[in-house]
């Protein structure tokens, strides 16, 4: 995938208020379907790229520039690449999915929601190696035939181990002590994040742990 006009999402400032071409790395790998659910892993910290898109303003079609985070996930069994382009220059919180920004919906679906009205620090949300469950949208060529490209089906995302019928567990208090208890046995920061995610730790607890880890307040192994 080309790095032209791309920059890291780390430190990117998003304003909060009420498709490019990529190299196909999936050739020769077992195909995915839109009917099955997969475990996906974030392979690298997202980069940002500007795109032009059409928007109707005062009833008139107008070309606007938007910034999108290029998120690349890997399916754990076949190692297929799954891509998602989520707009980050303008964020919309809404109770209706149709008006809610895709990136906000994504983190809400995997139970690490953004705080409404607060400019997010993306380093606290995108953690390389983070895993979740989701279906994919199968890309198609001009003849409407599958082309071995896959895109994240955001509405179907959910945390590992979560089911529609499972009652939510009682959330532990957001203290470093509780975070360390849930991450007990982790040998490094990434391993600790996986343990917190598998334990369905609330977003506040995960964010607290990440911040403490950055400040050197966490000693490994835990």
Protein backbone atom coordinates (compact mmCIF):
# COMPACT_ATOMS: atom_id res chain seq x y z
CA UNK A 1 0.00 0.00 0.00
CA UNK A 2 1.41 3.40 -0.93
CA UNK A 3 2.45 5.86 1.80
CA UNK A 4 1.98 8.89 -0.49
CA UNK A 5 0.24 11.76 1.29
CA UNK A 6 -0.29 9.62 4.38
CA UNK A 7 0.58 10.45 7.97
CA UNK A 8 0.21 8.68 11.26
CA UNK A 9 -3.06 9.00 13.15
CA UNK A 10 -1.14 9.41 16.42
CA UNK A 11 -1.77 12.91 17.71
CA UNK A 12 -4.36 13.68 15.02
CA UNK A 13 -6.91 16.27 16.16
CA UNK A 14 -10.51 15.48 15.19
CA UNK A 15 -13.22 18.14 15.23
CA UNK A 16 -16.25 17.01 17.25
CA UNK A 17 -19.81 18.18 16.43
CA UNK A 18 -23.58 17.23 16.46
CA UNK A 19 -11.74 4.88 -1.92
CA UNK A 20 -8.40 4.88 -2.58
CA UNK A 21 -6.51 2.21 -4.52
CA UNK A 22 -4.47 -0.33 -2.52
CA UNK A 23 -2.23 -3.23 -3.40
CA UNK A 24 -4.20 -6.45 -3.05
CA UNK A 25 -2.32 -8.71 -0.64
CA UNK A 26 -5.07 -11.35 -0.54
CA UNK A 27 -4.33 -13.04 -3.84
CA UNK A 28 -3.84 -16.79 -3.39
CA UNK A 29 -5.23 -16.90 0.16
CA UNK A 30 -8.39 -18.80 1.17
CA UNK A 31 -11.41 -16.62 0.47
CA UNK A 32 -13.65 -15.05 3.09
CA UNK A 33 -17.44 -14.82 2.88
CA UNK A 34 -19.90 -12.16 3.98
CA UNK A 35 -21.86 -14.77 5.96
CA UNK A 36 -19.17 -15.91 8.42
CA UNK A 37 -17.78 -14.08 11.43
CA UNK A 38 -14.03 -13.73 11.84
CA UNK A 39 -11.50 -12.71 14.45
CA UNK A 40 -9.62 -9.66 13.20
CA UNK A 41 -6.42 -8.04 14.49
CA UNK A 42 -5.14 -4.50 13.93
CA UNK A 43 -1.79 -4.92 12.16
CA UNK A 44 -0.43 -1.36 12.37
CA UNK A 45 -1.36 2.02 13.76
CA UNK A 46 -3.68 3.68 11.20
CA UNK A 47 -2.45 6.36 8.84
CA UNK A 48 -4.48 9.29 7.58
CA UNK A 49 -5.09 10.21 3.96
CA UNK A 50 -7.16 12.98 2.37
CA UNK A 51 -9.90 12.00 -0.07
CA UNK A 52 -12.35 13.96 -2.18
CA UNK A 53 -16.01 13.07 -1.96
CA UNK A 54 -19.32 14.53 -3.07
CA UNK A 55 -21.61 16.18 -0.55
CA UNK A 56 -24.93 17.93 -1.05
CA UNK A 57 -24.78 21.46 0.40
CA UNK A 58 -27.88 23.64 0.10
CA UNK A 59 -29.24 21.20 -2.47
CA UNK A 60 -26.12 21.40 -4.63
CA UNK A 61 -23.53 18.66 -5.14
CA UNK A 62 -20.14 19.92 -3.97
CA UNK A 63 -16.72 18.25 -3.81
CA UNK A 64 -15.20 18.38 -0.32
CA UNK A 65 -11.92 17.12 1.14
CA UNK A 66 -12.15 14.65 4.01
CA UNK A 67 -9.49 12.90 6.10
CA UNK A 68 -9.88 9.18 6.65
CA UNK A 69 -8.01 6.77 8.88
CA UNK A 70 -6.79 3.78 6.88
CA UNK A 71 -7.27 0.82 9.21
CA UNK A 72 -5.77 -2.53 8.20
CA UNK A 73 -6.85 -5.68 10.01
CA UNK A 74 -5.76 -9.30 9.50
CA UNK A 75 -8.02 -12.34 9.73
CA UNK A 76 -6.32 -14.70 12.17
CA UNK A 77 -6.74 -17.98 10.26
CA UNK A 78 -6.32 -17.12 6.57
CA UNK A 79 -4.29 -13.94 7.15
CA UNK A 80 -6.44 -12.06 4.66
CA UNK A 81 -6.19 -8.27 4.85
CA UNK A 82 -9.42 -6.46 5.78
CA UNK A 83 -9.55 -2.70 5.26
CA UNK A 84 -11.67 0.06 6.69
CA UNK A 85 -11.55 3.75 5.75
CA UNK A 86 -13.14 5.76 8.54
CA UNK A 87 -13.52 9.53 8.48
CA UNK A 88 -11.70 11.30 11.32
CA UNK A 89 -11.70 15.03 10.45
CA UNK A 90 -15.33 15.41 11.51
CA UNK A 91 -17.09 13.28 14.13
CA UNK A 92 -20.86 12.98 14.58
CA UNK A 93 -22.43 11.50 17.70
CA UNK A 94 -26.00 10.34 17.18
CA UNK A 95 -28.47 7.82 18.60
CA UNK A 96 -29.32 6.87 15.00
CA UNK A 97 -26.75 4.70 13.22
CA UNK A 98 -27.40 6.45 9.89
CA UNK A 99 -26.04 9.73 11.30
CA UNK A 100 -23.35 8.36 13.58
CA UNK A 101 -19.74 8.45 12.34
CA UNK A 102 -18.43 5.00 11.39
CA UNK A 103 -15.39 5.31 13.66
CA UNK A 104 -17.62 6.18 16.63
CA UNK A 105 -19.90 3.23 15.85
CA UNK A 106 -16.89 0.91 15.52
CA UNK A 107 -15.53 1.64 18.99
CA UNK A 108 -19.02 1.54 20.48
CA UNK A 109 -19.57 -1.91 18.93
CA UNK A 110 -16.34 -3.32 20.38
CA UNK A 111 -17.26 -1.81 23.79
CA UNK A 112 -14.55 0.86 23.87
CA UNK A 113 -16.77 3.90 23.18
CA UNK A 114 -15.57 7.44 22.58
CA UNK A 115 -16.64 10.02 25.13
CA UNK A 116 -19.29 12.25 23.60
CA UNK A 117 -18.24 15.83 23.02
CA UNK A 118 -14.58 15.14 23.83
CA UNK A 119 -11.81 15.28 21.22
CA UNK A 120 -10.39 11.74 21.23
CA UNK A 121 -6.76 10.81 21.73
CA UNK A 122 -6.54 8.07 19.11
CA UNK A 123 -3.50 6.47 20.80
CA UNK A 124 -5.88 5.38 23.56
CA UNK A 125 -8.21 3.66 21.12
CA UNK A 126 -6.14 2.13 18.31
CA UNK A 127 -3.75 -0.38 19.89
CA UNK A 128 -1.70 -2.49 17.48
CA UNK A 129 -2.67 -6.12 18.02
CA UNK A 130 -6.17 -5.32 19.31
CA UNK A 131 -8.62 -8.05 18.34
CA UNK A 132 -12.37 -8.30 17.90
CA UNK A 133 -15.01 -10.30 16.01
CA UNK A 134 -16.72 -9.13 12.82
CA UNK A 135 -18.08 -10.08 9.45
CA UNK A 136 -16.62 -8.60 6.27
CA UNK A 137 -17.95 -6.98 3.13
CA UNK A 138 -16.66 -8.82 0.06
CA UNK A 139 -15.31 -6.48 -2.63
CA UNK A 140 -16.43 -6.97 -6.23
CA UNK A 141 -15.02 -6.01 -9.62
CA UNK A 142 -16.79 -4.29 -12.51
CA UNK A 143 -18.55 -7.54 -13.37
CA UNK A 144 -19.81 -7.86 -9.77
CA UNK A 145 -17.55 -10.84 -9.13
CA UNK A 146 -15.54 -11.20 -5.86
CA UNK A 147 -12.09 -9.65 -6.27
CA UNK A 148 -10.36 -10.91 -3.08
CA UNK A 149 -10.68 -7.54 -1.37
CA UNK A 150 -12.43 -7.33 1.97
CA UNK A 151 -13.78 -4.43 3.99
CA UNK A 152 -14.82 -4.23 7.63
CA UNK A 153 -18.56 -4.63 8.22
CA UNK A 154 -18.72 -2.14 11.11
CA UNK A 155 -22.31 -2.90 12.25
CA UNK A 156 -21.34 -6.54 12.92
CA UNK A 157 -18.26 -5.78 15.05
CA UNK A 158 -18.25 -7.05 18.65
CA UNK A 159 -15.63 -7.77 21.32
CA UNK A 160 -14.11 -11.23 21.62
CA UNK A 161 -16.29 -13.60 23.59
CA UNK A 162 -19.36 -11.34 23.55
CA UNK A 163 -22.70 -12.77 22.43
CA UNK A 164 -26.08 -11.22 21.86
CA UNK A 165 -27.65 -13.26 24.68
CA UNK A 166 -24.94 -12.84 27.31
CA UNK A 167 -25.89 -10.45 30.11
CA UNK A 168 -23.29 -7.75 30.67
CA UNK A 169 -20.97 -8.44 33.56
CA UNK A 170 -20.74 -6.00 36.41
CA UNK A 171 -18.11 -3.37 35.54
CA UNK A 172 -15.15 -3.12 37.91
CA UNK A 173 -14.19 0.28 39.26
CA UNK A 174 -11.78 2.18 37.01
CA UNK A 175 -8.71 1.90 39.24
CA UNK A 176 -5.20 0.81 38.32
CA UNK A 177 -5.37 -1.95 40.94
CA UNK A 178 -8.39 -3.53 39.21
CA UNK A 179 -6.73 -3.17 35.81
CA UNK A 180 -3.62 -4.94 37.09
CA UNK A 181 -5.73 -7.75 38.58
CA UNK A 182 -7.44 -8.34 35.23
CA UNK A 183 -4.09 -8.21 33.40
CA UNK A 184 -2.30 -10.46 35.92
CA UNK A 185 0.28 -12.70 34.23
CA UNK A 186 0.79 -10.41 31.21
CA UNK A 187 4.42 -10.26 30.10
CA UNK A 188 4.19 -6.98 28.17
CA UNK A 189 1.84 -4.09 27.35
CA UNK A 190 0.24 -5.80 24.34
CA UNK A 191 -0.38 -9.01 26.27
CA UNK A 192 -1.96 -6.94 29.06
CA UNK A 193 -4.30 -5.21 26.60
CA UNK A 194 -5.45 -8.58 25.25
CA UNK A 195 -6.18 -9.81 28.78
CA UNK A 196 -8.20 -6.67 29.54
CA UNK A 197 -10.11 -7.02 26.27
CA UNK A 198 -10.80 -10.73 26.86
CA UNK A 199 -12.05 -9.88 30.35
CA UNK A 200 -14.45 -7.34 28.79
CA UNK A 201 -12.95 -4.55 30.87
CA UNK A 202 -14.81 -1.23 30.43
CA UNK A 203 -13.24 1.42 28.20
CA UNK A 204 -12.46 3.68 31.19
CA UNK A 205 -10.40 0.92 32.81
CA UNK A 206 -8.50 0.17 29.60
CA UNK A 207 -7.78 3.88 29.02
CA UNK A 208 -6.56 4.20 32.62
CA UNK A 209 -4.21 1.24 32.19
CA UNK A 210 -2.80 2.56 28.88
CA UNK A 211 -2.11 5.96 30.45
CA UNK A 212 -0.45 4.41 33.51
CA UNK A 213 1.63 2.14 31.27
CA UNK A 214 2.85 5.15 29.25
CA UNK A 215 3.83 6.92 32.48
CA UNK A 216 5.91 3.92 33.59
CA UNK A 217 3.58 3.06 36.47
CA UNK A 218 3.13 -0.53 35.28
CA UNK A 219 5.91 -3.08 35.76
CA UNK A 220 6.08 -6.16 33.53
CA UNK A 221 5.49 -9.01 33.94
CA UNK A 222 2.36 -8.16 35.90
